[in-house]
Amino acid sequence: MKILEVMQKAKPNITEEEADFILWSRTPYPVGGITAKSLYQATRRFYRTIANHRHVCEFCDNLAQDNDTLCKRCAGAIRHENHNL
């Protein structure tokens, strides 16, 4: 089964552009391994957050803070790193 076919099981009308975004930004691909199950879950999670008007962190899979692209943990880590420069 191809990657797009797995993602279509989670979201039948997914576009190639959306599938590409999810593959590269919401999974560990290409540095980490992915399975059909993890790809399906990433696709479902992505669309569930959109349906619920939420955002996930750009660095991890936690919910982002209000009006932000980072979760509290990642935002704190970045602030800490910038402070040490």
N, C-alpha and C. Protein backbone atom coordinates (compact mmCIF):
# COMPACT_ATOMS: atom_id res chain seq x y z
N MET A 1 0.84 -1.18 0.00
CA MET A 1 0.00 0.00 0.00
C MET A 1 0.89 1.24 0.00
N LYS A 2 0.53 2.20 -0.82
CA LYS A 2 1.30 3.43 -0.93
C LYS A 2 0.93 4.39 0.20
N ILE A 3 1.83 5.34 0.43
CA ILE A 3 1.64 6.31 1.51
C ILE A 3 0.32 7.06 1.33
N LEU A 4 0.05 7.55 0.14
CA LEU A 4 -1.19 8.30 -0.10
C LEU A 4 -2.41 7.44 0.15
N GLU A 5 -2.35 6.16 -0.19
CA GLU A 5 -3.49 5.26 0.03
C GLU A 5 -3.78 5.09 1.51
N VAL A 6 -2.74 5.01 2.33
CA VAL A 6 -2.93 4.91 3.78
C VAL A 6 -3.59 6.17 4.30
N MET A 7 -3.12 7.31 3.85
CA MET A 7 -3.67 8.58 4.30
C MET A 7 -5.11 8.76 3.83
N GLN A 8 -5.45 8.22 2.67
CA GLN A 8 -6.82 8.30 2.17
C GLN A 8 -7.77 7.45 3.01
N LYS A 9 -7.26 6.45 3.71
CA LYS A 9 -8.10 5.67 4.62
C LYS A 9 -8.53 6.54 5.81
N ALA A 10 -7.66 7.46 6.21
CA ALA A 10 -7.98 8.36 7.31
C ALA A 10 -8.80 9.56 6.85
N LYS A 11 -8.53 10.03 5.65
CA LYS A 11 -9.22 11.20 5.09
C LYS A 11 -9.39 10.99 3.59
N PRO A 12 -10.53 10.46 3.17
CA PRO A 12 -10.72 10.08 1.77
C PRO A 12 -10.45 11.17 0.73
N ASN A 13 -10.73 12.42 1.05
CA ASN A 13 -10.55 13.49 0.06
C ASN A 13 -9.27 14.29 0.27
N ILE A 14 -8.26 13.70 0.88
CA ILE A 14 -6.99 14.38 1.12
C ILE A 14 -6.31 14.69 -0.21
N THR A 15 -5.74 15.88 -0.31
CA THR A 15 -5.02 16.25 -1.53
C THR A 15 -3.57 15.80 -1.40
N GLU A 16 -2.87 15.75 -2.51
CA GLU A 16 -1.46 15.37 -2.48
C GLU A 16 -0.64 16.39 -1.69
N GLU A 17 -1.01 17.66 -1.78
CA GLU A 17 -0.29 18.71 -1.05
C GLU A 17 -0.46 18.54 0.46
N GLU A 18 -1.70 18.24 0.88
CA GLU A 18 -1.95 18.02 2.31
C GLU A 18 -1.20 16.78 2.80
N ALA A 19 -1.23 15.72 2.00
CA ALA A 19 -0.54 14.49 2.37
C ALA A 19 0.96 14.74 2.50
N ASP A 20 1.51 15.51 1.58
CA ASP A 20 2.93 15.83 1.62
C ASP A 20 3.27 16.62 2.88
N PHE A 21 2.43 17.60 3.22
CA PHE A 21 2.65 18.39 4.43
C PHE A 21 2.63 17.51 5.67
N ILE A 22 1.64 16.65 5.79
CA ILE A 22 1.52 15.78 6.96
C ILE A 22 2.72 14.83 7.04
N LEU A 23 3.09 14.24 5.92
CA LEU A 23 4.22 13.31 5.90
C LEU A 23 5.49 13.97 6.39
N TRP A 24 5.79 15.15 5.88
CA TRP A 24 7.06 15.81 6.20
C TRP A 24 7.05 16.59 7.51
N SER A 25 5.88 17.07 7.95
CA SER A 25 5.89 17.91 9.15
C SER A 25 5.24 17.27 10.38
N ARG A 26 4.44 16.23 10.21
CA ARG A 26 3.76 15.63 11.36
C ARG A 26 4.20 14.19 11.63
N THR A 27 5.23 13.71 10.92
CA THR A 27 5.78 12.38 11.17
C THR A 27 7.30 12.50 11.23
N PRO A 28 8.00 11.49 11.73
CA PRO A 28 9.46 11.56 11.78
C PRO A 28 10.13 11.26 10.44
N TYR A 29 9.36 11.08 9.38
CA TYR A 29 9.91 10.81 8.05
C TYR A 29 10.76 11.98 7.61
N PRO A 30 11.90 11.84 7.02
CA PRO A 30 12.60 10.64 6.59
C PRO A 30 13.65 10.14 7.57
N VAL A 31 13.82 10.81 8.70
CA VAL A 31 14.85 10.39 9.65
C VAL A 31 14.43 9.23 10.53
N GLY A 32 13.16 9.14 10.80
CA GLY A 32 12.64 8.06 11.63
C GLY A 32 11.70 7.18 10.84
N GLY A 33 11.51 6.02 11.35
CA GLY A 33 10.62 5.09 10.68
C GLY A 33 9.16 5.43 10.88
N ILE A 34 8.36 5.13 9.88
CA ILE A 34 6.92 5.28 10.00
C ILE A 34 6.27 3.97 9.57
N THR A 35 5.12 3.73 10.15
CA THR A 35 4.34 2.56 9.78
C THR A 35 3.02 3.04 9.21
N ALA A 36 2.28 2.13 8.63
CA ALA A 36 0.95 2.49 8.12
C ALA A 36 0.09 3.02 9.27
N LYS A 37 0.21 2.40 10.43
CA LYS A 37 -0.58 2.82 11.60
C LYS A 37 -0.19 4.23 12.05
N SER A 38 1.10 4.51 12.14
CA SER A 38 1.53 5.84 12.60
C SER A 38 1.16 6.91 11.58
N LEU A 39 1.21 6.58 10.30
CA LEU A 39 0.82 7.52 9.26
C LEU A 39 -0.68 7.79 9.30
N TYR A 40 -1.46 6.75 9.50
CA TYR A 40 -2.91 6.89 9.64
C TYR A 40 -3.23 7.77 10.85
N GLN A 41 -2.57 7.51 11.98
CA GLN A 41 -2.82 8.28 13.20
C GLN A 41 -2.42 9.74 13.03
N ALA A 42 -1.31 10.01 12.36
CA ALA A 42 -0.87 11.39 12.14
C ALA A 42 -1.88 12.14 11.28
N THR A 43 -2.41 11.46 10.29
CA THR A 43 -3.40 12.08 9.41
C THR A 43 -4.68 12.39 10.17
N ARG A 44 -5.17 11.43 10.94
CA ARG A 44 -6.39 11.63 11.74
C ARG A 44 -6.19 12.76 12.75
N ARG A 45 -5.05 12.78 13.41
CA ARG A 45 -4.75 13.80 14.43
C ARG A 45 -4.73 15.18 13.79
N PHE A 46 -4.11 15.30 12.62
CA PHE A 46 -4.03 16.58 11.93
C PHE A 46 -5.41 17.14 11.62
N TYR A 47 -6.27 16.30 11.06
CA TYR A 47 -7.61 16.77 10.71
C TYR A 47 -8.51 16.96 11.92
N ARG A 48 -8.30 16.21 12.98
CA ARG A 48 -9.06 16.39 14.20
C ARG A 48 -8.76 17.74 14.84
N THR A 49 -7.49 18.13 14.83
CA THR A 49 -7.13 19.44 15.41
C THR A 49 -7.74 20.58 14.59
N ILE A 50 -7.76 20.42 13.28
CA ILE A 50 -8.37 21.45 12.43
C ILE A 50 -9.87 21.53 12.70
N ALA A 51 -10.52 20.37 12.78
CA ALA A 51 -11.97 20.34 13.02
C ALA A 51 -12.33 20.97 14.36
N ASN A 52 -11.44 20.87 15.34
CA ASN A 52 -11.68 21.42 16.67
C ASN A 52 -11.09 22.82 16.84
N HIS A 53 -10.65 23.42 15.71
CA HIS A 53 -10.09 24.78 15.72
C HIS A 53 -8.92 24.90 16.67
N ARG A 54 -8.04 23.92 16.61
CA ARG A 54 -6.84 23.91 17.45
C ARG A 54 -5.61 23.84 16.56
N HIS A 55 -4.46 24.03 17.17
CA HIS A 55 -3.19 23.94 16.46
C HIS A 55 -2.25 23.06 17.26
N VAL A 56 -1.40 22.32 16.56
CA VAL A 56 -0.39 21.53 17.26
C VAL A 56 0.95 22.23 17.13
N CYS A 57 1.81 21.97 18.09
CA CYS A 57 3.13 22.56 18.15
C CYS A 57 3.93 22.22 16.89
N GLU A 58 4.72 23.15 16.42
CA GLU A 58 5.55 22.92 15.24
C GLU A 58 6.70 21.96 15.50
N PHE A 59 7.04 21.73 16.77
CA PHE A 59 8.17 20.87 17.10
C PHE A 59 7.78 19.52 17.68
N CYS A 60 6.59 19.41 18.20
CA CYS A 60 6.15 18.14 18.78
C CYS A 60 4.66 17.97 18.46
N ASP A 61 4.02 17.03 19.06
CA ASP A 61 2.61 16.78 18.76
C ASP A 61 1.67 17.27 19.85
N ASN A 62 2.16 18.07 20.77
CA ASN A 62 1.31 18.63 21.81
C ASN A 62 0.49 19.79 21.25
N LEU A 63 -0.60 20.10 21.93
CA LEU A 63 -1.40 21.25 21.52
C LEU A 63 -0.62 22.54 21.74
N ALA A 64 -0.68 23.42 20.75
CA ALA A 64 -0.02 24.71 20.85
C ALA A 64 -0.81 25.62 21.78
N GLN A 65 -0.13 26.61 22.33
CA GLN A 65 -0.80 27.59 23.17
C GLN A 65 -1.71 28.45 22.30
N ASP A 66 -2.62 29.15 22.93
CA ASP A 66 -3.53 30.02 22.20
C ASP A 66 -2.75 31.01 21.34
N ASN A 67 -3.17 31.13 20.08
CA ASN A 67 -2.57 32.07 19.14
C ASN A 67 -1.05 31.92 19.01
N ASP A 68 -0.57 30.70 19.10
CA ASP A 68 0.86 30.44 18.98
C ASP A 68 1.06 29.18 18.17
N THR A 69 2.26 28.95 17.73
CA THR A 69 2.57 27.73 16.98
C THR A 69 3.38 26.76 17.82
N LEU A 70 3.62 27.11 19.09
CA LEU A 70 4.41 26.25 19.97
C LEU A 70 3.62 25.88 21.22
N CYS A 71 3.90 24.69 21.75
CA CYS A 71 3.31 24.32 23.03
C CYS A 71 4.10 25.01 24.15
N LYS A 72 3.60 24.95 25.33
CA LYS A 72 4.23 25.61 26.48
C LYS A 72 5.65 25.08 26.71
N ARG A 73 5.82 23.77 26.60
CA ARG A 73 7.13 23.16 26.85
C ARG A 73 8.17 23.62 25.82
N CYS A 74 7.83 23.58 24.53
CA CYS A 74 8.78 23.97 23.49
C CYS A 74 9.07 25.47 23.54
N ALA A 75 8.05 26.27 23.81
CA ALA A 75 8.25 27.71 23.93
C ALA A 75 9.21 28.02 25.07
N GLY A 76 9.06 27.32 26.19
CA GLY A 76 9.96 27.51 27.32
C GLY A 76 11.38 27.09 26.99
N ALA A 77 11.53 25.99 26.27
CA ALA A 77 12.85 25.51 25.89
C ALA A 77 13.55 26.50 24.96
N ILE A 78 12.81 27.08 24.04
CA ILE A 78 13.40 28.04 23.12
C ILE A 78 13.79 29.31 23.86
N ARG A 79 12.94 29.78 24.76
CA ARG A 79 13.28 30.96 25.57
C ARG A 79 14.54 30.70 26.39
N HIS A 80 14.64 29.50 26.95
CA HIS A 80 15.80 29.13 27.77
C HIS A 80 17.07 29.13 26.92
N GLU A 81 17.01 28.57 25.71
CA GLU A 81 18.16 28.51 24.82
C GLU A 81 18.58 29.91 24.38
N ASN A 82 17.61 30.76 24.04
CA ASN A 82 17.94 32.12 23.63
C ASN A 82 18.56 32.92 24.76
N HIS A 83 18.16 32.64 25.97
CA HIS A 83 18.71 33.34 27.15
C HIS A 83 20.17 32.96 27.36
N ASN A 84 20.53 31.73 27.01
CA ASN A 84 21.90 31.27 27.22
C ASN A 84 22.86 31.66 26.11
N LEU A 85 22.39 32.30 25.05
CA LEU A 85 23.28 32.68 23.95
C LEU A 85 24.10 33.89 24.25
